[in-house]
Amino acid sequence: MTLTMNDYQQKTEATAIYPSEYGILYCSMKLSGEAGEVTEKVAKLIRDGNWQPHDNVLTEAEQEMVCKELGDVLWYVARLAKESGLSLEQVAQVNLNKLWDRQERGVLGGSGDER
């Protein structure tokens, strides 16, 4: 059985334990923290391991570690979207549409949200 993004988002409800009146704020703060944990794991790979950025290859154990942290990020993205009245598939589609539009206009590189 294939798990869709919206199925995943719906299933996060069972493990969503936080004050509902602070849902958007709580999820956005925790998302930031979890994204930082991904960065910390990658930094530790550089510090403690033999991993070099140009290698672009992780061992199975390293992949598992990064996967777990990315899963935490995904959980908070799913919850923040839900708390904001958005489906995860909607967020993904809007993002792809934005990127395709930028690519067509030749402005993928650069800065600014509305380029």
PDB file of N, CA and C in Angstrom:
ATOM      1  N   MET A   1       0.834  -1.181   0.000  1.00  0.00           N
ATOM      2  CA  MET A   1       0.000   0.000   0.000  1.00  0.00           C
ATOM      3  C   MET A   1       0.882   1.249   0.000  1.00  0.00           C
ATOM      4  N   THR A   2       0.560   2.180  -0.855  1.00  0.00           N
ATOM      5  CA  THR A   2       1.310   3.424  -0.958  1.00  0.00           C
ATOM      6  C   THR A   2       0.748   4.430   0.036  1.00  0.00           C
ATOM      7  N   LEU A   3       1.637   5.095   0.723  1.00  0.00           N
ATOM      8  CA  LEU A   3       1.244   6.133   1.672  1.00  0.00           C
ATOM      9  C   LEU A   3       1.329   7.478   0.966  1.00  0.00           C
ATOM     10  N   THR A   4       0.194   8.142   0.803  1.00  0.00           N
ATOM     11  CA  THR A   4       0.215   9.463   0.192  1.00  0.00           C
ATOM     12  C   THR A   4       0.608  10.494   1.253  1.00  0.00           C
ATOM     13  N   MET A   5       0.941  11.663   0.772  1.00  0.00           N
ATOM     14  CA  MET A   5       1.305  12.736   1.709  1.00  0.00           C
ATOM     15  C   MET A   5       0.121  13.079   2.611  1.00  0.00           C
ATOM     16  N   ASN A   6      -1.078  13.105   2.046  1.00  0.00           N
ATOM     17  CA  ASN A   6      -2.245  13.421   2.857  1.00  0.00           C
ATOM     18  C   ASN A   6      -2.568  12.312   3.846  1.00  0.00           C
ATOM     19  N   ASP A   7      -2.338  11.040   3.448  1.00  0.00           N
ATOM     20  CA  ASP A   7      -2.511   9.931   4.396  1.00  0.00           C
ATOM     21  C   ASP A   7      -1.558  10.105   5.571  1.00  0.00           C
ATOM     22  N   TYR A   8      -0.310  10.405   5.255  1.00  0.00           N
ATOM     23  CA  TYR A   8       0.679  10.623   6.310  1.00  0.00           C
ATOM     24  C   TYR A   8       0.227  11.746   7.233  1.00  0.00           C
ATOM     25  N   GLN A   9      -0.192  12.859   6.639  1.00  0.00           N
ATOM     26  CA  GLN A   9      -0.620  14.009   7.440  1.00  0.00           C
ATOM     27  C   GLN A   9      -1.762  13.610   8.364  1.00  0.00           C
ATOM     28  N   GLN A  10      -2.727  12.860   7.853  1.00  0.00           N
ATOM     29  CA  GLN A  10      -3.866  12.436   8.672  1.00  0.00           C
ATOM     30  C   GLN A  10      -3.404  11.538   9.804  1.00  0.00           C
ATOM     31  N   LYS A  11      -2.456  10.653   9.533  1.00  0.00           N
ATOM     32  CA  LYS A  11      -1.975   9.721  10.555  1.00  0.00           C
ATOM     33  C   LYS A  11      -1.178  10.417  11.666  1.00  0.00           C
ATOM     34  N   THR A  12      -0.637  11.598  11.385  1.00  0.00           N
ATOM     35  CA  THR A  12       0.093  12.324  12.432  1.00  0.00           C
ATOM     36  C   THR A  12      -0.827  12.775  13.557  1.00  0.00           C
ATOM     37  N   GLU A  13      -2.107  12.841  13.269  1.00  0.00           N
ATOM     38  CA  GLU A  13      -3.086  13.276  14.283  1.00  0.00           C
ATOM     39  C   GLU A  13      -3.009  12.407  15.540  1.00  0.00           C
ATOM     40  N   ALA A  14      -2.758  11.111  15.357  1.00  0.00           N
ATOM     41  CA  ALA A  14      -2.738  10.179  16.484  1.00  0.00           C
ATOM     42  C   ALA A  14      -1.600  10.460  17.455  1.00  0.00           C
ATOM     43  N   THR A  15      -0.548  11.124  17.001  1.00  0.00           N
ATOM     44  CA  THR A  15       0.605  11.388  17.869  1.00  0.00           C
ATOM     45  C   THR A  15       0.814  12.875  18.117  1.00  0.00           C
ATOM     46  N   ALA A  16      -0.197  13.669  17.783  1.00  0.00           N
ATOM     47  CA  ALA A  16      -0.099  15.124  17.975  1.00  0.00           C
ATOM     48  C   ALA A  16      -0.527  15.472  19.397  1.00  0.00           C
ATOM     49  N   ILE A  17       0.467  15.676  20.259  1.00  0.00           N
ATOM     50  CA  ILE A  17       0.195  16.007  21.660  1.00  0.00           C
ATOM     51  C   ILE A  17       0.823  17.362  21.958  1.00  0.00           C
ATOM     52  N   TYR A  18       0.022  18.392  21.826  1.00  0.00           N
ATOM     53  CA  TYR A  18       0.457  19.755  22.133  1.00  0.00           C
ATOM     54  C   TYR A  18      -0.803  20.587  22.340  1.00  0.00           C
ATOM     55  N   PRO A  19      -0.682  21.725  22.993  1.00  0.00           N
ATOM     56  CA  PRO A  19      -1.872  22.556  23.226  1.00  0.00           C
ATOM     57  C   PRO A  19      -2.457  23.053  21.905  1.00  0.00           C
ATOM     58  N   SER A  20      -3.674  22.658  21.601  1.00  0.00           N
ATOM     59  CA  SER A  20      -4.274  22.973  20.308  1.00  0.00           C
ATOM     60  C   SER A  20      -4.393  24.475  20.065  1.00  0.00           C
ATOM     61  N   GLU A  21      -4.565  25.249  21.116  1.00  0.00           N
ATOM     62  CA  GLU A  21      -4.692  26.697  20.919  1.00  0.00           C
ATOM     63  C   GLU A  21      -3.379  27.335  20.473  1.00  0.00           C
ATOM     64  N   TYR A  22      -2.282  26.610  20.623  1.00  0.00           N
ATOM     65  CA  TYR A  22      -0.970  27.100  20.187  1.00  0.00           C
ATOM     66  C   TYR A  22      -0.422  26.295  19.017  1.00  0.00           C
ATOM     67  N   GLY A  23      -1.280  25.594  18.293  1.00  0.00           N
ATOM     68  CA  GLY A  23      -0.840  24.662  17.262  1.00  0.00           C
ATOM     69  C   GLY A  23       0.114  25.248  16.244  1.00  0.00           C
ATOM     70  N   ILE A  24      -0.248  26.377  15.649  1.00  0.00           N
ATOM     71  CA  ILE A  24       0.603  26.968  14.615  1.00  0.00           C
ATOM     72  C   ILE A  24       1.934  27.410  15.211  1.00  0.00           C
ATOM     73  N   LEU A  25       1.891  28.105  16.322  1.00  0.00           N
ATOM     74  CA  LEU A  25       3.117  28.595  16.954  1.00  0.00           C
ATOM     75  C   LEU A  25       3.988  27.433  17.422  1.00  0.00           C
ATOM     76  N   TYR A  26       3.382  26.467  18.107  1.00  0.00           N
ATOM     77  CA  TYR A  26       4.129  25.325  18.627  1.00  0.00           C
ATOM     78  C   TYR A  26       4.804  24.550  17.499  1.00  0.00           C
ATOM     79  N   CYS A  27       4.034  24.222  16.467  1.00  0.00           N
ATOM     80  CA  CYS A  27       4.582  23.425  15.369  1.00  0.00           C
ATOM     81  C   CYS A  27       5.670  24.178  14.616  1.00  0.00           C
ATOM     82  N   SER A  28       5.513  25.487  14.451  1.00  0.00           N
ATOM     83  CA  SER A  28       6.550  26.240  13.735  1.00  0.00           C
ATOM     84  C   SER A  28       7.837  26.304  14.554  1.00  0.00           C
ATOM     85  N   MET A  29       7.718  26.460  15.859  1.00  0.00           N
ATOM     86  CA  MET A  29       8.927  26.488  16.696  1.00  0.00           C
ATOM     87  C   MET A  29       9.613  25.130  16.718  1.00  0.00           C
ATOM     88  N   LYS A  30       8.841  24.065  16.828  1.00  0.00           N
ATOM     89  CA  LYS A  30       9.425  22.721  16.858  1.00  0.00           C
ATOM     90  C   LYS A  30      10.024  22.345  15.501  1.00  0.00           C
ATOM     91  N   LEU A  31       9.398  22.802  14.412  1.00  0.00           N
ATOM     92  CA  LEU A  31       9.951  22.560  13.079  1.00  0.00           C
ATOM     93  C   LEU A  31      11.339  23.160  12.960  1.00  0.00           C
ATOM     94  N   SER A  32      11.485  24.357  13.450  1.00  0.00           N
ATOM     95  CA  SER A  32      12.793  25.016  13.420  1.00  0.00           C
ATOM     96  C   SER A  32      13.820  24.208  14.205  1.00  0.00           C
ATOM     97  N   GLY A  33      13.431  23.735  15.366  1.00  0.00           N
ATOM     98  CA  GLY A  33      14.343  22.930  16.184  1.00  0.00           C
ATOM     99  C   GLY A  33      14.732  21.626  15.510  1.00  0.00           C
ATOM    100  N   GLU A  34      13.770  20.961  14.909  1.00  0.00           N
ATOM    101  CA  GLU A  34      14.059  19.689  14.241  1.00  0.00           C
ATOM    102  C   GLU A  34      14.946  19.891  13.016  1.00  0.00           C
ATOM    103  N   ALA A  35      14.727  20.981  12.281  1.00  0.00           N
ATOM    104  CA  ALA A  35      15.599  21.277  11.138  1.00  0.00           C
ATOM    105  C   ALA A  35      17.030  21.500  11.632  1.00  0.00           C
ATOM    106  N   GLY A  36      17.161  22.148  12.778  1.00  0.00           N
ATOM    107  CA  GLY A  36      18.478  22.336  13.377  1.00  0.00           C
ATOM    108  C   GLY A  36      19.125  21.008  13.751  1.00  0.00           C
ATOM    109  N   GLU A  37      18.318  20.048  14.192  1.00  0.00           N
ATOM    110  CA  GLU A  37      18.859  18.730  14.542  1.00  0.00           C
ATOM    111  C   GLU A  37      19.398  18.010  13.307  1.00  0.00           C
ATOM    112  N   VAL A  38      18.752  18.170  12.159  1.00  0.00           N
ATOM    113  CA  VAL A  38      19.274  17.588  10.918  1.00  0.00           C
ATOM    114  C   VAL A  38      20.655  18.175  10.640  1.00  0.00           C
ATOM    115  N   THR A  39      20.759  19.485  10.761  1.00  0.00           N
ATOM    116  CA  THR A  39      22.035  20.158  10.529  1.00  0.00           C
ATOM    117  C   THR A  39      23.090  19.665  11.503  1.00  0.00           C
ATOM    118  N   GLU A  40      22.723  19.490  12.764  1.00  0.00           N
ATOM    119  CA  GLU A  40      23.660  18.988  13.768  1.00  0.00           C
ATOM    120  C   GLU A  40      24.156  17.589  13.426  1.00  0.00           C
ATOM    121  N   LYS A  41      23.265  16.725  12.966  1.00  0.00           N
ATOM    122  CA  LYS A  41      23.674  15.363  12.604  1.00  0.00           C
ATOM    123  C   LYS A  41      24.673  15.387  11.447  1.00  0.00           C
ATOM    124  N   VAL A  42      24.411  16.199  10.444  1.00  0.00           N
ATOM    125  CA  VAL A  42      25.320  16.286   9.301  1.00  0.00           C
ATOM    126  C   VAL A  42      26.657  16.866   9.741  1.00  0.00           C
ATOM    127  N   ALA A  43      26.635  17.879  10.610  1.00  0.00           N
ATOM    128  CA  ALA A  43      27.882  18.467  11.112  1.00  0.00           C
ATOM    129  C   ALA A  43      28.698  17.428  11.880  1.00  0.00           C
ATOM    130  N   LYS A  44      28.010  16.572  12.640  1.00  0.00           N
ATOM    131  CA  LYS A  44      28.726  15.528  13.389  1.00  0.00           C
ATOM    132  C   LYS A  44      29.315  14.481  12.461  1.00  0.00           C
ATOM    133  N   LEU A  45      28.665  14.240  11.324  1.00  0.00           N
ATOM    134  CA  LEU A  45      29.249  13.329  10.333  1.00  0.00           C
ATOM    135  C   LEU A  45      30.584  13.877   9.840  1.00  0.00           C
ATOM    136  N   ILE A  46      30.627  15.187   9.645  1.00  0.00           N
ATOM    137  CA  ILE A  46      31.867  15.827   9.199  1.00  0.00           C
ATOM    138  C   ILE A  46      32.908  15.780  10.309  1.00  0.00           C
ATOM    139  N   ARG A  47      32.481  16.134  11.525  1.00  0.00           N
ATOM    140  CA  ARG A  47      33.420  16.203  12.645  1.00  0.00           C
ATOM    141  C   ARG A  47      33.933  14.836  13.057  1.00  0.00           C
ATOM    142  N   ASP A  48      33.050  13.853  13.185  1.00  0.00           N
ATOM    143  CA  ASP A  48      33.414  12.566  13.779  1.00  0.00           C
ATOM    144  C   ASP A  48      33.719  11.474  12.768  1.00  0.00           C
ATOM    145  N   GLY A  49      33.296  11.660  11.547  1.00  0.00           N
ATOM    146  CA  GLY A  49      33.448  10.590  10.572  1.00  0.00           C
ATOM    147  C   GLY A  49      34.435  10.935   9.488  1.00  0.00           C
ATOM    148  N   ASN A  50      34.393  10.120   8.496  1.00  0.00           N
ATOM    149  CA  ASN A  50      35.251  10.329   7.343  1.00  0.00           C
ATOM    150  C   ASN A  50      34.474  10.948   6.192  1.00  0.00           C
ATOM    151  N   TRP A  51      33.289  11.421   6.469  1.00  0.00           N
ATOM    152  CA  TRP A  51      32.422  11.967   5.422  1.00  0.00           C
ATOM    153  C   TRP A  51      32.912  13.324   4.973  1.00  0.00           C
ATOM    154  N   GLN A  52      32.956  13.503   3.676  1.00  0.00           N
ATOM    155  CA  GLN A  52      33.327  14.773   3.070  1.00  0.00           C
ATOM    156  C   GLN A  52      32.171  15.246   2.201  1.00  0.00           C
ATOM    157  N   PRO A  53      31.870  16.526   2.199  1.00  0.00           N
ATOM    158  CA  PRO A  53      30.729  17.016   1.428  1.00  0.00           C
ATOM    159  C   PRO A  53      30.750  16.612  -0.047  1.00  0.00           C
ATOM    160  N   HIS A  54      31.918  16.539  -0.644  1.00  0.00           N
ATOM    161  CA  HIS A  54      31.980  16.179  -2.066  1.00  0.00           C
ATOM    162  C   HIS A  54      31.696  14.694  -2.311  1.00  0.00           C
ATOM    163  N   ASP A  55      31.746  13.864  -1.247  1.00  0.00           N
ATOM    164  CA  ASP A  55      31.454  12.437  -1.400  1.00  0.00           C
ATOM    165  C   ASP A  55      30.001  12.205  -1.784  1.00  0.00           C
ATOM    166  N   ASN A  56      29.096  12.942  -1.144  1.00  0.00           N
ATOM    167  CA  ASN A  56      27.664  12.852  -1.404  1.00  0.00           C
ATOM    168  C   ASN A  56      27.137  11.432  -1.241  1.00  0.00           C
ATOM    169  N   VAL A  57      27.764  10.650  -0.365  1.00  0.00           N
ATOM    170  CA  VAL A  57      27.359   9.278  -0.098  1.00  0.00           C
ATOM    171  C   VAL A  57      27.361   9.069   1.408  1.00  0.00           C
ATOM    172  N   LEU A  58      26.307   8.450   1.912  1.00  0.00           N
ATOM    173  CA  LEU A  58      26.223   8.133   3.336  1.00  0.00           C
ATOM    174  C   LEU A  58      26.206   6.626   3.510  1.00  0.00           C
ATOM    175  N   THR A  59      26.755   6.163   4.626  1.00  0.00           N
ATOM    176  CA  THR A  59      26.647   4.742   4.952  1.00  0.00           C
ATOM    177  C   THR A  59      25.198   4.444   5.318  1.00  0.00           C
ATOM    178  N   GLU A  60      24.875   3.175   5.425  1.00  0.00           N
ATOM    179  CA  GLU A  60      23.514   2.783   5.798  1.00  0.00           C
ATOM    180  C   GLU A  60      23.150   3.335   7.178  1.00  0.00           C
ATOM    181  N   ALA A  61      24.069   3.276   8.116  1.00  0.00           N
ATOM    182  CA  ALA A  61      23.815   3.803   9.467  1.00  0.00           C
ATOM    183  C   ALA A  61      23.612   5.317   9.440  1.00  0.00           C
ATOM    184  N   GLU A  62      24.411   6.006   8.627  1.00  0.00           N
ATOM    185  CA  GLU A  62      24.277   7.457   8.498  1.00  0.00           C
ATOM    186  C   GLU A  62      22.950   7.815   7.840  1.00  0.00           C
ATOM    187  N   GLN A  63      22.570   7.044   6.835  1.00  0.00           N
ATOM    188  CA  GLN A  63      21.282   7.272   6.180  1.00  0.00           C
ATOM    189  C   GLN A  63      20.134   7.109   7.170  1.00  0.00           C
ATOM    190  N   GLU A  64      20.219   6.064   7.993  1.00  0.00           N
ATOM    191  CA  GLU A  64      19.173   5.823   8.993  1.00  0.00           C
ATOM    192  C   GLU A  64      19.071   6.993   9.968  1.00  0.00           C
ATOM    193  N   MET A  65      20.207   7.499  10.409  1.00  0.00           N
ATOM    194  CA  MET A  65      20.237   8.616  11.342  1.00  0.00           C
ATOM    195  C   MET A  65      19.599   9.861  10.707  1.00  0.00           C
ATOM    196  N   VAL A  66      19.986  10.176   9.490  1.00  0.00           N
ATOM    197  CA  VAL A  66      19.431  11.339   8.796  1.00  0.00           C
ATOM    198  C   VAL A  66      17.944  11.119   8.520  1.00  0.00           C
ATOM    199  N   CYS A  67      17.572   9.915   8.142  1.00  0.00           N
ATOM    200  CA  CYS A  67      16.171   9.600   7.857  1.00  0.00           C
ATOM    201  C   CYS A  67      15.288   9.851   9.075  1.00  0.00           C
ATOM    202  N   LYS A  68      15.743   9.443  10.232  1.00  0.00           N
ATOM    203  CA  LYS A  68      14.966   9.658  11.462  1.00  0.00           C
ATOM    204  C   LYS A  68      14.770  11.145  11.738  1.00  0.00           C
ATOM    205  N   GLU A  69      15.812  11.917  11.552  1.00  0.00           N
ATOM    206  CA  GLU A  69      15.698  13.365  11.788  1.00  0.00           C
ATOM    207  C   GLU A  69      14.808  14.022  10.737  1.00  0.00           C
ATOM    208  N   LEU A  70      14.949  13.608   9.479  1.00  0.00           N
ATOM    209  CA  LEU A  70      14.078  14.154   8.436  1.00  0.00           C
ATOM    210  C   LEU A  70      12.618  13.778   8.693  1.00  0.00           C
ATOM    211  N   GLY A  71      12.402  12.603   9.250  1.00  0.00           N
ATOM    212  CA  GLY A  71      11.047  12.196   9.621  1.00  0.00           C
ATOM    213  C   GLY A  71      10.443  13.136  10.650  1.00  0.00           C
ATOM    214  N   ASP A  72      11.250  13.567  11.610  1.00  0.00           N
ATOM    215  CA  ASP A  72      10.767  14.530  12.607  1.00  0.00           C
ATOM    216  C   ASP A  72      10.414  15.859  11.946  1.00  0.00           C
ATOM    217  N   VAL A  73      11.248  16.287  11.002  1.00  0.00           N
ATOM    218  CA  VAL A  73      10.961  17.528  10.260  1.00  0.00           C
ATOM    219  C   VAL A  73       9.650  17.366   9.498  1.00  0.00           C
ATOM    220  N   LEU A  74       9.493  16.237   8.809  1.00  0.00           N
ATOM    221  CA  LEU A  74       8.283  15.987   8.033  1.00  0.00           C
ATOM    222  C   LEU A  74       7.050  15.990   8.919  1.00  0.00           C
ATOM    223  N   TRP A  75       7.152  15.421  10.111  1.00  0.00           N
ATOM    224  CA  TRP A  75       6.019  15.383  11.038  1.00  0.00           C
ATOM    225  C   TRP A  75       5.568  16.803  11.375  1.00  0.00           C
ATOM    226  N   TYR A  76       6.523  17.667  11.698  1.00  0.00           N
ATOM    227  CA  TYR A  76       6.148  19.045  12.039  1.00  0.00           C
ATOM    228  C   TYR A  76       5.674  19.842  10.830  1.00  0.00           C
ATOM    229  N   VAL A  77       6.203  19.564   9.642  1.00  0.00           N
ATOM    230  CA  VAL A  77       5.680  20.209   8.435  1.00  0.00           C
ATOM    231  C   VAL A  77       4.222  19.782   8.240  1.00  0.00           C
ATOM    232  N   ALA A  78       3.961  18.498   8.388  1.00  0.00           N
ATOM    233  CA  ALA A  78       2.597  17.985   8.225  1.00  0.00           C
ATOM    234  C   ALA A  78       1.648  18.612   9.240  1.00  0.00           C
ATOM    235  N   ARG A  79       2.082  18.706  10.484  1.00  0.00           N
ATOM    236  CA  ARG A  79       1.225  19.268  11.532  1.00  0.00           C
ATOM    237  C   ARG A  79       1.025  20.764  11.332  1.00  0.00           C
ATOM    238  N   LEU A  80       2.090  21.489  10.978  1.00  0.00           N
ATOM    239  CA  LEU A  80       1.968  22.924  10.762  1.00  0.00           C
ATOM    240  C   LEU A  80       1.020  23.203   9.596  1.00  0.00           C
ATOM    241  N   ALA A  81       1.129  22.407   8.544  1.00  0.00           N
ATOM    242  CA  ALA A  81       0.204  22.555   7.419  1.00  0.00           C
ATOM    243  C   ALA A  81      -1.229  22.310   7.900  1.00  0.00           C
ATOM    244  N   LYS A  82      -1.438  21.242   8.638  1.00  0.00           N
ATOM    245  CA  LYS A  82      -2.781  20.920   9.146  1.00  0.00           C
ATOM    246  C   LYS A  82      -3.313  22.050  10.025  1.00  0.00           C
ATOM    247  N   GLU A  83      -2.488  22.534  10.928  1.00  0.00           N
ATOM    248  CA  GLU A  83      -2.906  23.615  11.820  1.00  0.00           C
ATOM    249  C   GLU A  83      -3.209  24.892  11.040  1.00  0.00           C
ATOM    250  N   SER A  84      -2.622  25.031   9.849  1.00  0.00           N
ATOM    251  CA  SER A  84      -2.824  26.203   8.999  1.00  0.00           C
ATOM    252  C   SER A  84      -3.967  26.008   8.008  1.00  0.00           C
ATOM    253  N   GLY A  85      -4.618  24.849   8.069  1.00  0.00           N
ATOM    254  CA  GLY A  85      -5.731  24.572   7.171  1.00  0.00           C
ATOM    255  C   GLY A  85      -5.312  24.135   5.788  1.00  0.00           C
ATOM    256  N   LEU A  86      -4.108  23.591   5.675  1.00  0.00           N
ATOM    257  CA  LEU A  86      -3.555  23.173   4.385  1.00  0.00           C
ATOM    258  C   LEU A  86      -3.300  21.675   4.380  1.00  0.00           C
ATOM    259  N   SER A  87      -3.473  21.063   3.221  1.00  0.00           N
ATOM    260  CA  SER A  87      -3.069  19.668   3.091  1.00  0.00           C
ATOM    261  C   SER A  87      -1.603  19.632   2.686  1.00  0.00           C
ATOM    262  N   LEU A  88      -0.944  18.557   3.047  1.00  0.00           N
ATOM    263  CA  LEU A  88       0.467  18.400   2.701  1.00  0.00           C
ATOM    264  C   LEU A  88       0.632  18.312   1.188  1.00  0.00           C
ATOM    265  N   GLU A  89      -0.298  17.665   0.515  1.00  0.00           N
ATOM    266  CA  GLU A  89      -0.228  17.589  -0.944  1.00  0.00           C
ATOM    267  C   GLU A  89      -0.425  18.965  -1.573  1.00  0.00           C
ATOM    268  N   GLN A  90      -1.262  19.781  -0.976  1.00  0.00           N
ATOM    269  CA  GLN A  90      -1.452  21.153  -1.467  1.00  0.00           C
ATOM    270  C   GLN A  90      -0.158  21.944  -1.333  1.00  0.00           C
ATOM    271  N   VAL A  91       0.499  21.839  -0.192  1.00  0.00           N
ATOM    272  CA  VAL A  91       1.758  22.538   0.033  1.00  0.00           C
ATOM    273  C   VAL A  91       2.795  22.092  -0.989  1.00  0.00           C
ATOM    274  N   ALA A  92       2.886  20.788  -1.211  1.00  0.00           N
ATOM    275  CA  ALA A  92       3.859  20.247  -2.168  1.00  0.00           C
ATOM    276  C   ALA A  92       3.566  20.745  -3.585  1.00  0.00           C
ATOM    277  N   GLN A  93       2.293  20.740  -3.981  1.00  0.00           N
ATOM    278  CA  GLN A  93       1.943  21.164  -5.338  1.00  0.00           C
ATOM    279  C   GLN A  93       2.201  22.651  -5.542  1.00  0.00           C
ATOM    280  N   VAL A  94       1.849  23.467  -4.569  1.00  0.00           N
ATOM    281  CA  VAL A  94       2.102  24.908  -4.676  1.00  0.00           C
ATOM    282  C   VAL A  94       3.600  25.166  -4.795  1.00  0.00           C
ATOM    283  N   ASN A  95       4.411  24.409  -4.026  1.00  0.00           N
ATOM    284  CA  ASN A  95       5.857  24.585  -4.091  1.00  0.00           C
ATOM    285  C   ASN A  95       6.401  24.207  -5.464  1.00  0.00           C
ATOM    286  N   LEU A  96       5.956  23.070  -6.000  1.00  0.00           N
ATOM    287  CA  LEU A  96       6.413  22.668  -7.336  1.00  0.00           C
ATOM    288  C   LEU A  96       5.991  23.673  -8.388  1.00  0.00           C
ATOM    289  N   ASN A  97       4.767  24.158  -8.304  1.00  0.00           N
ATOM    290  CA  ASN A  97       4.299  25.158  -9.276  1.00  0.00           C
ATOM    291  C   ASN A  97       5.165  26.408  -9.223  1.00  0.00           C
ATOM    292  N   LYS A  98       5.511  26.849  -8.021  1.00  0.00           N
ATOM    293  CA  LYS A  98       6.359  28.029  -7.851  1.00  0.00           C
ATOM    294  C   LYS A  98       7.726  27.800  -8.484  1.00  0.00           C
ATOM    295  N   LEU A  99       8.310  26.623  -8.229  1.00  0.00           N
ATOM    296  CA  LEU A  99       9.640  26.325  -8.760  1.00  0.00           C
ATOM    297  C   LEU A  99       9.626  26.173 -10.278  1.00  0.00           C
ATOM    298  N   TRP A 100       8.598  25.518 -10.808  1.00  0.00           N
ATOM    299  CA  TRP A 100       8.492  25.375 -12.268  1.00  0.00           C
ATOM    300  C   TRP A 100       8.353  26.738 -12.932  1.00  0.00           C
ATOM    301  N   ASP A 101       7.562  27.622 -12.307  1.00  0.00           N
ATOM    302  CA  ASP A 101       7.397  28.969 -12.852  1.00  0.00           C
ATOM    303  C   ASP A 101       8.733  29.711 -12.856  1.00  0.00           C
ATOM    304  N   ARG A 102       9.471  29.615 -11.776  1.00  0.00           N
ATOM    305  CA  ARG A 102      10.786  30.266 -11.710  1.00  0.00           C
ATOM    306  C   ARG A 102      11.733  29.685 -12.752  1.00  0.00           C
ATOM    307  N   GLN A 103      11.677  28.371 -12.915  1.00  0.00           N
ATOM    308  CA  GLN A 103      12.544  27.726 -13.903  1.00  0.00           C
ATOM    309  C   GLN A 103      12.205  28.217 -15.312  1.00  0.00           C
ATOM    310  N   GLU A 104      10.938  28.277 -15.632  1.00  0.00           N
ATOM    311  CA  GLU A 104      10.512  28.747 -16.956  1.00  0.00           C
ATOM    312  C   GLU A 104      10.952  30.185 -17.203  1.00  0.00           C
ATOM    313  N   ARG A 105      10.962  31.004 -16.156  1.00  0.00           N
ATOM    314  CA  ARG A 105      11.344  32.405 -16.299  1.00  0.00           C
ATOM    315  C   ARG A 105      12.839  32.615 -16.100  1.00  0.00           C
ATOM    316  N   GLY A 106      13.593  31.532 -15.826  1.00  0.00           N
ATOM    317  CA  GLY A 106      15.043  31.628 -15.671  1.00  0.00           C
ATOM    318  C   GLY A 106      15.474  32.309 -14.389  1.00  0.00           C
ATOM    319  N   VAL A 107      14.673  32.208 -13.332  1.00  0.00           N
ATOM    320  CA  VAL A 107      15.022  32.879 -12.069  1.00  0.00           C
ATOM    321  C   VAL A 107      15.088  31.903 -10.894  1.00  0.00           C
ATOM    322  N   LEU A 108      15.449  30.636 -11.176  1.00  0.00           N
ATOM    323  CA  LEU A 108      15.615  29.680 -10.068  1.00  0.00           C
ATOM    324  C   LEU A 108      16.716  30.137  -9.121  1.00  0.00           C
ATOM    325  N   GLY A 109      17.814  30.623  -9.665  1.00  0.00           N
ATOM    326  CA  GLY A 109      18.882  31.176  -8.845  1.00  0.00           C
ATOM    327  C   GLY A 109      18.520  32.588  -8.444  1.00  0.00           C
ATOM    328  N   GLY A 110      19.223  33.115  -7.506  1.00  0.00           N
ATOM    329  CA  GLY A 110      18.948  34.470  -7.057  1.00  0.00           C
ATOM    330  C   GLY A 110      18.265  34.483  -5.714  1.00  0.00           C
ATOM    331  N   SER A 111      17.716  35.617  -5.351  1.00  0.00           N
ATOM    332  CA  SER A 111      17.059  35.711  -4.059  1.00  0.00           C
ATOM    333  C   SER A 111      15.756  36.466  -4.195  1.00  0.00           C
ATOM    334  N   GLY A 112      14.971  36.393  -3.173  1.00  0.00           N
ATOM    335  CA  GLY A 112      13.682  37.069  -3.155  1.00  0.00           C
ATOM    336  C   GLY A 112      12.548  36.085  -3.303  1.00  0.00           C
ATOM    337  N   ASP A 113      11.556  36.197  -2.442  1.00  0.00           N
ATOM    338  CA  ASP A 113      10.416  35.269  -2.473  1.00  0.00           C
ATOM    339  C   ASP A 113       9.575  35.415  -3.726  1.00  0.00           C
ATOM    340  N   GLU A 114       9.451  36.623  -4.248  1.00  0.00           N
ATOM    341  CA  GLU A 114       8.545  36.879  -5.368  1.00  0.00           C
ATOM    342  C   GLU A 114       9.298  37.092  -6.675  1.00  0.00           C
ATOM    343  N   ARG A 115      10.377  36.366  -6.898  1.00  0.00           N
ATOM    344  CA  ARG A 115      11.122  36.525  -8.145  1.00  0.00           C
ATOM    345  C   ARG A 115      10.506  35.717  -9.264  1.00  0.00           C
TER     346      ARG A 115
END
